[in-house]
Amino acid sequence: MAVLEVDKLGIAFGGLRALEDVHFKVEEGSIVGLIGPNGAGKTTVFNLLTGVYTPTEGTIRLNGESILKKKTYQITRSGLARTFQNIRLFKDMTVIDNVKTAMNSQMKYSAFSGIFRLPSYRKEEDQVTARAMELLDVFGLSGQAGDLARNLPYGKQRELEIARALASSPKVLLLDEPAAGMNPTETQSLLEAVRLIRERFQVSVLLIEHDMSFVMGLCEHIIVLDYGRIIAEGPADEIRRNPKVIAAYLGGE
């Protein structure tokens, strides 16, 4: 079953059509890659999916319901979370507090209970802390839960951002160039972590990535954008040999 459906999606900025007739599905429990040359429109797709931009045309459905008129925080609550090309952590907060911030909207205790540290407050805080530690453990970060986020190595900062996105309990996780700037060891660790979170948290993944070995080794289905239009989609082996894809990346067959 498709958890995310995009149909005839397009957007124009003045007279420039940045995207046109973009259509794809993300099936439940799948890992899908969105690739293409620089400027193809990949991040624009993510910005449309998360409500940063409003499409000129087309539809977006999450769990069968339209999210077109929802604000970004409402889309997150509906089950769509993302990371960014440039790491956006609260670097002067601890590692665990970065993750817990994403769960604030799920807290149900009253202000009165919080002020006076009543049992309902303590119970919920304990549950949130346990959940945050579970997410950190996926990325081997539980031992650094009390460290400031800025003190983590670059690769671990990227993984922390993914852990924070998972804390909102999404149905679909959007990863925008998660392997950017990572060395081969970090990239392999991330690849294994993405597979693990798909299985453990029953989340579908849609990712943008320029590291083709990472994409080909991880994604079951790949969508290729060029100049704002989809030029190919299918399994990795098929995409690797597609003449249109080769031409888009290399300028000729």
C-alpha atoms as a PDB file:
ATOM      1  CA  MET A   1       0.000   0.000   0.000  1.00  0.00           C
ATOM      2  CA  ALA A   2       1.275   3.481  -0.874  1.00  0.00           C
ATOM      3  CA  VAL A   3       1.806   5.627   2.219  1.00  0.00           C
ATOM      4  CA  LEU A   4       2.832   8.684   0.167  1.00  0.00           C
ATOM      5  CA  GLU A   5       1.327   9.507  -3.248  1.00  0.00           C
ATOM      6  CA  VAL A   6       2.389  12.404  -5.472  1.00  0.00           C
ATOM      7  CA  ASP A   7       0.458  13.092  -8.679  1.00  0.00           C
ATOM      8  CA  LYS A   8       1.042  15.707 -11.400  1.00  0.00           C
ATOM      9  CA  LEU A   9       2.976  17.881  -8.944  1.00  0.00           C
ATOM     10  CA  GLY A  10       4.335  21.153 -10.291  1.00  0.00           C
ATOM     11  CA  ILE A  11       5.478  24.591  -9.197  1.00  0.00           C
ATOM     12  CA  ALA A  12       6.424  27.777 -11.022  1.00  0.00           C
ATOM     13  CA  PHE A  13       8.406  30.707  -9.649  1.00  0.00           C
ATOM     14  CA  GLY A  14       7.270  33.609 -11.803  1.00  0.00           C
ATOM     15  CA  GLY A  15       7.827  32.447 -15.354  1.00  0.00           C
ATOM     16  CA  LEU A  16      10.189  29.618 -14.363  1.00  0.00           C
ATOM     17  CA  ARG A  17       8.701  26.132 -14.075  1.00  0.00           C
ATOM     18  CA  ALA A  18      10.863  24.422 -11.474  1.00  0.00           C
ATOM     19  CA  LEU A  19       8.841  21.172 -11.454  1.00  0.00           C
ATOM     20  CA  GLU A  20       6.276  19.751 -13.854  1.00  0.00           C
ATOM     21  CA  ASP A  21       4.131  16.606 -13.823  1.00  0.00           C
ATOM     22  CA  VAL A  22       6.070  14.918 -11.007  1.00  0.00           C
ATOM     23  CA  HIS A  23       4.381  11.692  -9.959  1.00  0.00           C
ATOM     24  CA  PHE A  24       5.501   8.794  -7.774  1.00  0.00           C
ATOM     25  CA  LYS A  25       4.481   6.591  -4.863  1.00  0.00           C
ATOM     26  CA  VAL A  26       6.317   5.493  -1.740  1.00  0.00           C
ATOM     27  CA  GLU A  27       5.067   2.095  -0.666  1.00  0.00           C
ATOM     28  CA  GLU A  28       4.715   1.162   2.980  1.00  0.00           C
ATOM     29  CA  GLY A  29       8.033  -0.109   4.354  1.00  0.00           C
ATOM     30  CA  SER A  30      10.042   0.811   1.236  1.00  0.00           C
ATOM     31  CA  ILE A  31      13.280   2.754   0.767  1.00  0.00           C
ATOM     32  CA  VAL A  32      13.088   5.010  -2.311  1.00  0.00           C
ATOM     33  CA  GLY A  33      15.828   7.155  -3.815  1.00  0.00           C
ATOM     34  CA  LEU A  34      15.262  10.508  -5.543  1.00  0.00           C
ATOM     35  CA  ILE A  35      18.299  11.354  -7.655  1.00  0.00           C
ATOM     36  CA  GLY A  36      19.301  13.688 -10.449  1.00  0.00           C
ATOM     37  CA  PRO A  37      21.945  16.259 -11.442  1.00  0.00           C
ATOM     38  CA  ASN A  38      22.385  19.475  -9.451  1.00  0.00           C
ATOM     39  CA  GLY A  39      19.448  21.787 -10.035  1.00  0.00           C
ATOM     40  CA  ALA A  40      17.115  18.989 -11.123  1.00  0.00           C
ATOM     41  CA  GLY A  41      14.501  19.951  -8.502  1.00  0.00           C
ATOM     42  CA  LYS A  42      15.026  17.294  -5.829  1.00  0.00           C
ATOM     43  CA  THR A  43      15.043  19.591  -2.780  1.00  0.00           C
ATOM     44  CA  THR A  44      12.115  21.513  -4.288  1.00  0.00           C
ATOM     45  CA  VAL A  45      10.150  18.251  -4.154  1.00  0.00           C
ATOM     46  CA  PHE A  46      10.991  17.892  -0.457  1.00  0.00           C
ATOM     47  CA  ASN A  47       9.971  21.513   0.184  1.00  0.00           C
ATOM     48  CA  LEU A  48       6.621  20.861  -1.471  1.00  0.00           C
ATOM     49  CA  LEU A  49       6.070  17.658   0.490  1.00  0.00           C
ATOM     50  CA  THR A  50       6.737  19.429   3.803  1.00  0.00           C
ATOM     51  CA  GLY A  51       4.711  22.580   3.145  1.00  0.00           C
ATOM     52  CA  VAL A  52       7.649  24.968   2.723  1.00  0.00           C
ATOM     53  CA  TYR A  53       6.366  25.720  -0.803  1.00  0.00           C
ATOM     54  CA  THR A  54       2.800  25.572  -2.113  1.00  0.00           C
ATOM     55  CA  PRO A  55       2.524  23.719  -5.426  1.00  0.00           C
ATOM     56  CA  THR A  56       1.095  25.424  -8.484  1.00  0.00           C
ATOM     57  CA  GLU A  57      -0.585  22.177  -9.456  1.00  0.00           C
ATOM     58  CA  GLY A  58      -0.941  18.553  -8.440  1.00  0.00           C
ATOM     59  CA  THR A  59      -1.788  16.570  -5.316  1.00  0.00           C
ATOM     60  CA  ILE A  60       0.095  15.085  -2.357  1.00  0.00           C
ATOM     61  CA  ARG A  61      -1.522  12.411  -0.212  1.00  0.00           C
ATOM     62  CA  LEU A  62      -0.162  10.966   3.011  1.00  0.00           C
ATOM     63  CA  ASN A  63      -1.973   7.867   4.267  1.00  0.00           C
ATOM     64  CA  GLY A  64      -4.672   8.594   1.697  1.00  0.00           C
ATOM     65  CA  GLU A  65      -5.349  12.163   2.884  1.00  0.00           C
ATOM     66  CA  SER A  66      -4.346  15.376   1.133  1.00  0.00           C
ATOM     67  CA  ILE A  67      -1.698  17.456   2.944  1.00  0.00           C
ATOM     68  CA  LEU A  68      -1.674  20.331   0.426  1.00  0.00           C
ATOM     69  CA  LYS A  69      -3.213  22.982   2.668  1.00  0.00           C
ATOM     70  CA  LYS A  70      -1.472  21.949   5.883  1.00  0.00           C
ATOM     71  CA  LYS A  71       1.308  23.881   7.567  1.00  0.00           C
ATOM     72  CA  THR A  72       4.698  22.271   8.101  1.00  0.00           C
ATOM     73  CA  TYR A  73       4.070  21.386  11.762  1.00  0.00           C
ATOM     74  CA  GLN A  74       0.697  19.865  10.832  1.00  0.00           C
ATOM     75  CA  ILE A  75       2.345  17.742   8.131  1.00  0.00           C
ATOM     76  CA  THR A  76       4.893  16.537  10.692  1.00  0.00           C
ATOM     77  CA  ARG A  77       2.078  15.544  13.035  1.00  0.00           C
ATOM     78  CA  SER A  78       0.395  13.721  10.151  1.00  0.00           C
ATOM     79  CA  GLY A  79       3.472  11.494   9.823  1.00  0.00           C
ATOM     80  CA  LEU A  80       6.050  13.124   7.541  1.00  0.00           C
ATOM     81  CA  ALA A  81       9.466  14.166   8.921  1.00  0.00           C
ATOM     82  CA  ARG A  82      12.667  15.333   7.229  1.00  0.00           C
ATOM     83  CA  THR A  83      16.320  16.153   7.628  1.00  0.00           C
ATOM     84  CA  PHE A  84      18.222  18.857   5.731  1.00  0.00           C
ATOM     85  CA  GLN A  85      21.287  19.202   3.510  1.00  0.00           C
ATOM     86  CA  ASN A  86      22.839  21.504   6.116  1.00  0.00           C
ATOM     87  CA  ILE A  87      22.719  20.059   9.629  1.00  0.00           C
ATOM     88  CA  ARG A  88      20.162  21.886  11.788  1.00  0.00           C
ATOM     89  CA  LEU A  89      20.770  20.773  15.353  1.00  0.00           C
ATOM     90  CA  PHE A  90      20.457  22.703  18.612  1.00  0.00           C
ATOM     91  CA  LYS A  91      24.204  22.570  19.035  1.00  0.00           C
ATOM     92  CA  ASP A  92      24.326  24.040  22.542  1.00  0.00           C
ATOM     93  CA  MET A  93      21.834  21.480  23.850  1.00  0.00           C
ATOM     94  CA  THR A  94      22.684  17.926  24.846  1.00  0.00           C
ATOM     95  CA  VAL A  95      22.357  15.042  22.431  1.00  0.00           C
ATOM     96  CA  ILE A  96      19.350  13.570  24.241  1.00  0.00           C
ATOM     97  CA  ASP A  97      17.610  16.947  24.570  1.00  0.00           C
ATOM     98  CA  ASN A  98      17.894  17.422  20.804  1.00  0.00           C
ATOM     99  CA  VAL A  99      15.876  14.240  20.349  1.00  0.00           C
ATOM    100  CA  LYS A 100      13.386  15.053  23.109  1.00  0.00           C
ATOM    101  CA  THR A 101      12.515  18.423  21.541  1.00  0.00           C
ATOM    102  CA  ALA A 102      10.841  16.560  18.676  1.00  0.00           C
ATOM    103  CA  MET A 103       8.490  14.859  21.141  1.00  0.00           C
ATOM    104  CA  ASN A 104       7.163  17.990  22.841  1.00  0.00           C
ATOM    105  CA  SER A 105       3.974  17.992  20.777  1.00  0.00           C
ATOM    106  CA  GLN A 106       3.245  14.440  21.981  1.00  0.00           C
ATOM    107  CA  MET A 107       3.371  15.353  25.691  1.00  0.00           C
ATOM    108  CA  LYS A 108      -0.019  15.313  27.421  1.00  0.00           C
ATOM    109  CA  TYR A 109       0.681  16.362  31.021  1.00  0.00           C
ATOM    110  CA  SER A 110      -0.669  19.767  32.154  1.00  0.00           C
ATOM    111  CA  ALA A 111       1.351  22.847  32.992  1.00  0.00           C
ATOM    112  CA  PHE A 112       0.261  22.416  36.615  1.00  0.00           C
ATOM    113  CA  SER A 113       1.637  18.861  36.648  1.00  0.00           C
ATOM    114  CA  GLY A 114       4.914  20.042  35.140  1.00  0.00           C
ATOM    115  CA  ILE A 115       5.392  22.946  37.567  1.00  0.00           C
ATOM    116  CA  PHE A 116       4.863  20.771  40.628  1.00  0.00           C
ATOM    117  CA  ARG A 117       6.542  17.642  39.213  1.00  0.00           C
ATOM    118  CA  LEU A 118       3.485  15.478  39.820  1.00  0.00           C
ATOM    119  CA  PRO A 119       3.549  11.703  39.123  1.00  0.00           C
ATOM    120  CA  SER A 120       1.873  12.152  35.716  1.00  0.00           C
ATOM    121  CA  TYR A 121       4.697  14.506  34.699  1.00  0.00           C
ATOM    122  CA  ARG A 122       7.440  12.165  35.922  1.00  0.00           C
ATOM    123  CA  LYS A 123       5.866   9.145  34.243  1.00  0.00           C
ATOM    124  CA  GLU A 124       5.635  10.857  30.871  1.00  0.00           C
ATOM    125  CA  GLU A 125       9.129  12.331  31.120  1.00  0.00           C
ATOM    126  CA  ASP A 126      10.504   8.873  31.899  1.00  0.00           C
ATOM    127  CA  GLN A 127       8.738   7.459  28.837  1.00  0.00           C
ATOM    128  CA  VAL A 128      10.107  10.226  26.602  1.00  0.00           C
ATOM    129  CA  THR A 129      13.639   9.721  27.941  1.00  0.00           C
ATOM    130  CA  ALA A 130      13.417   5.964  27.334  1.00  0.00           C
ATOM    131  CA  ARG A 131      12.174   6.554  23.780  1.00  0.00           C
ATOM    132  CA  ALA A 132      14.972   9.053  23.089  1.00  0.00           C
ATOM    133  CA  MET A 133      17.588   6.617  24.390  1.00  0.00           C
ATOM    134  CA  GLU A 134      16.161   3.873  22.161  1.00  0.00           C
ATOM    135  CA  LEU A 135      16.574   6.110  19.122  1.00  0.00           C
ATOM    136  CA  LEU A 136      20.088   7.163  20.116  1.00  0.00           C
ATOM    137  CA  ASP A 137      21.056   3.526  20.597  1.00  0.00           C
ATOM    138  CA  VAL A 138      20.229   2.791  16.950  1.00  0.00           C
ATOM    139  CA  PHE A 139      23.061   5.129  15.956  1.00  0.00           C
ATOM    140  CA  GLY A 140      25.434   4.195  18.777  1.00  0.00           C
ATOM    141  CA  LEU A 141      24.859   7.546  20.479  1.00  0.00           C
ATOM    142  CA  SER A 142      23.371   6.477  23.808  1.00  0.00           C
ATOM    143  CA  GLY A 143      26.774   6.725  25.493  1.00  0.00           C
ATOM    144  CA  GLN A 144      27.018  10.384  24.433  1.00  0.00           C
ATOM    145  CA  ALA A 145      23.470  11.352  25.450  1.00  0.00           C
ATOM    146  CA  GLY A 146      24.707  13.998  27.913  1.00  0.00           C
ATOM    147  CA  ASP A 147      27.272  15.559  25.566  1.00  0.00           C
ATOM    148  CA  LEU A 148      26.605  18.815  23.728  1.00  0.00           C
ATOM    149  CA  ALA A 149      25.546  18.201  20.129  1.00  0.00           C
ATOM    150  CA  ARG A 150      28.305  20.506  18.840  1.00  0.00           C
ATOM    151  CA  ASN A 151      30.955  18.175  20.271  1.00  0.00           C
ATOM    152  CA  LEU A 152      29.887  15.196  18.154  1.00  0.00           C
ATOM    153  CA  PRO A 153      31.913  14.267  15.052  1.00  0.00           C
ATOM    154  CA  TYR A 154      30.334  15.396  11.771  1.00  0.00           C
ATOM    155  CA  GLY A 155      28.960  11.972  10.856  1.00  0.00           C
ATOM    156  CA  LYS A 156      27.366  11.529  14.286  1.00  0.00           C
ATOM    157  CA  GLN A 157      25.750  14.966  14.040  1.00  0.00           C
ATOM    158  CA  ARG A 158      24.062  13.833  10.845  1.00  0.00           C
ATOM    159  CA  GLU A 159      22.863  10.663  12.539  1.00  0.00           C
ATOM    160  CA  LEU A 160      21.572  12.672  15.499  1.00  0.00           C
ATOM    161  CA  GLU A 161      19.466  14.746  13.120  1.00  0.00           C
ATOM    162  CA  ILE A 162      17.938  11.547  11.761  1.00  0.00           C
ATOM    163  CA  ALA A 163      17.253  10.307  15.296  1.00  0.00           C
ATOM    164  CA  ARG A 164      15.491  13.591  16.060  1.00  0.00           C
ATOM    165  CA  ALA A 165      13.350  13.275  12.925  1.00  0.00           C
ATOM    166  CA  LEU A 166      12.383   9.743  13.985  1.00  0.00           C
ATOM    167  CA  ALA A 167      11.309  11.037  17.403  1.00  0.00           C
ATOM    168  CA  SER A 168       8.163  12.516  15.841  1.00  0.00           C
ATOM    169  CA  SER A 169       7.090   8.935  14.947  1.00  0.00           C
ATOM    170  CA  PRO A 170       6.796   9.500  11.191  1.00  0.00           C
ATOM    171  CA  LYS A 171       5.257   7.142   8.672  1.00  0.00           C
ATOM    172  CA  VAL A 172       7.577   8.562   5.999  1.00  0.00           C
ATOM    173  CA  LEU A 173      11.089   9.864   6.669  1.00  0.00           C
ATOM    174  CA  LEU A 174      12.639  12.274   4.141  1.00  0.00           C
ATOM    175  CA  LEU A 175      16.446  12.297   4.152  1.00  0.00           C
ATOM    176  CA  ASP A 176      18.085  15.143   2.225  1.00  0.00           C
ATOM    177  CA  GLU A 177      21.632  14.041   1.310  1.00  0.00           C
ATOM    178  CA  PRO A 178      22.217  12.109   4.546  1.00  0.00           C
ATOM    179  CA  ALA A 179      25.644  10.824   3.465  1.00  0.00           C
ATOM    180  CA  ALA A 180      27.008  14.224   2.380  1.00  0.00           C
ATOM    181  CA  GLY A 181      30.476  14.846   3.821  1.00  0.00           C
ATOM    182  CA  MET A 182      30.785  11.379   5.359  1.00  0.00           C
ATOM    183  CA  ASN A 183      33.812   9.135   4.936  1.00  0.00           C
ATOM    184  CA  PRO A 184      33.329   5.553   3.629  1.00  0.00           C
ATOM    185  CA  THR A 185      33.135   4.055   7.144  1.00  0.00           C
ATOM    186  CA  GLU A 186      30.499   6.571   8.248  1.00  0.00           C
ATOM    187  CA  THR A 187      28.546   6.034   5.016  1.00  0.00           C
ATOM    188  CA  GLN A 188      28.443   2.268   5.526  1.00  0.00           C
ATOM    189  CA  SER A 189      27.327   2.739   9.127  1.00  0.00           C
ATOM    190  CA  LEU A 190      24.546   5.066   7.975  1.00  0.00           C
ATOM    191  CA  LEU A 191      23.406   2.614   5.304  1.00  0.00           C
ATOM    192  CA  GLU A 192      23.034  -0.120   7.909  1.00  0.00           C
ATOM    193  CA  ALA A 193      21.254   2.275  10.299  1.00  0.00           C
ATOM    194  CA  VAL A 194      18.669   3.258   7.666  1.00  0.00           C
ATOM    195  CA  ARG A 195      17.883  -0.402   7.042  1.00  0.00           C
ATOM    196  CA  LEU A 196      17.572  -0.969  10.773  1.00  0.00           C
ATOM    197  CA  ILE A 197      15.188   1.933  11.405  1.00  0.00           C
ATOM    198  CA  ARG A 198      13.000   0.810   8.502  1.00  0.00           C
ATOM    199  CA  GLU A 199      12.606  -2.584  10.150  1.00  0.00           C
ATOM    200  CA  ARG A 200      12.433  -1.514  13.792  1.00  0.00           C
ATOM    201  CA  PHE A 201      10.158   1.526  13.440  1.00  0.00           C
ATOM    202  CA  GLN A 202       8.118   0.473  10.377  1.00  0.00           C
ATOM    203  CA  VAL A 203       8.948   3.697   8.570  1.00  0.00           C
ATOM    204  CA  SER A 204       9.181   4.289   4.822  1.00  0.00           C
ATOM    205  CA  VAL A 205      12.176   6.287   3.588  1.00  0.00           C
ATOM    206  CA  LEU A 206      12.491   8.716   0.680  1.00  0.00           C
ATOM    207  CA  LEU A 207      16.014  10.058   0.263  1.00  0.00           C
ATOM    208  CA  ILE A 208      17.959  12.456  -1.916  1.00  0.00           C
ATOM    209  CA  GLU A 209      21.587  11.503  -2.354  1.00  0.00           C
ATOM    210  CA  HIS A 210      24.499  12.129  -4.742  1.00  0.00           C
ATOM    211  CA  ASP A 211      26.541   9.141  -3.542  1.00  0.00           C
ATOM    212  CA  MET A 212      25.455   6.620  -6.158  1.00  0.00           C
ATOM    213  CA  SER A 213      27.005   3.607  -4.425  1.00  0.00           C
ATOM    214  CA  PHE A 214      24.971   4.514  -1.318  1.00  0.00           C
ATOM    215  CA  VAL A 215      21.759   4.860  -3.345  1.00  0.00           C
ATOM    216  CA  MET A 216      22.285   1.696  -5.387  1.00  0.00           C
ATOM    217  CA  GLY A 217      23.169  -0.324  -2.302  1.00  0.00           C
ATOM    218  CA  LEU A 218      20.201   0.863  -0.241  1.00  0.00           C
ATOM    219  CA  CYS A 219      17.185   1.789  -2.371  1.00  0.00           C
ATOM    220  CA  GLU A 220      14.709  -0.731  -3.767  1.00  0.00           C
ATOM    221  CA  HIS A 221      13.198   1.841  -6.116  1.00  0.00           C
ATOM    222  CA  ILE A 222      14.809   4.928  -7.660  1.00  0.00           C
ATOM    223  CA  ILE A 223      13.238   8.029  -9.215  1.00  0.00           C
ATOM    224  CA  VAL A 224      15.367  10.214 -11.506  1.00  0.00           C
ATOM    225  CA  LEU A 225      14.676  13.928 -11.993  1.00  0.00           C
ATOM    226  CA  ASP A 226      16.184  16.175 -14.655  1.00  0.00           C
ATOM    227  CA  TYR A 227      15.155  19.780 -15.291  1.00  0.00           C
ATOM    228  CA  GLY A 228      12.134  19.358 -13.026  1.00  0.00           C
ATOM    229  CA  ARG A 229      10.679  16.311 -14.740  1.00  0.00           C
ATOM    230  CA  ILE A 230      10.919  12.581 -14.058  1.00  0.00           C
ATOM    231  CA  ILE A 231      12.966  10.922 -16.788  1.00  0.00           C
ATOM    232  CA  ALA A 232      13.151   7.395 -15.324  1.00  0.00           C
ATOM    233  CA  GLU A 233      12.144   5.254 -12.367  1.00  0.00           C
ATOM    234  CA  GLY A 234      12.609   1.643 -11.409  1.00  0.00           C
ATOM    235  CA  PRO A 235      14.965  -0.741  -9.578  1.00  0.00           C
ATOM    236  CA  ALA A 236      18.656   0.088  -9.214  1.00  0.00           C
ATOM    237  CA  ASP A 237      19.926  -2.257 -11.945  1.00  0.00           C
ATOM    238  CA  GLU A 238      17.493  -0.802 -14.445  1.00  0.00           C
ATOM    239  CA  ILE A 239      18.318   2.810 -13.557  1.00  0.00           C
ATOM    240  CA  ARG A 240      22.069   2.146 -13.740  1.00  0.00           C
ATOM    241  CA  ARG A 241      21.759   1.137 -17.406  1.00  0.00           C
ATOM    242  CA  ASN A 242      19.115   3.659 -18.489  1.00  0.00           C
ATOM    243  CA  PRO A 243      20.426   5.780 -21.425  1.00  0.00           C
ATOM    244  CA  LYS A 244      18.434   8.854 -20.342  1.00  0.00           C
ATOM    245  CA  VAL A 245      19.955   8.706 -16.872  1.00  0.00           C
ATOM    246  CA  ILE A 246      23.475   8.298 -18.252  1.00  0.00           C
ATOM    247  CA  ALA A 247      22.913  11.251 -20.578  1.00  0.00           C
ATOM    248  CA  ALA A 248      21.562  13.454 -17.774  1.00  0.00           C
ATOM    249  CA  TYR A 249      24.638  12.815 -15.597  1.00  0.00           C
ATOM    250  CA  LEU A 250      27.337  12.711 -18.272  1.00  0.00           C
ATOM    251  CA  GLY A 251      25.910  14.942 -20.996  1.00  0.00           C
ATOM    252  CA  GLY A 252      25.660  12.108 -23.549  1.00  0.00           C
ATOM    253  CA  GLU A 253      25.243   8.381 -23.868  1.00  0.00           C
END
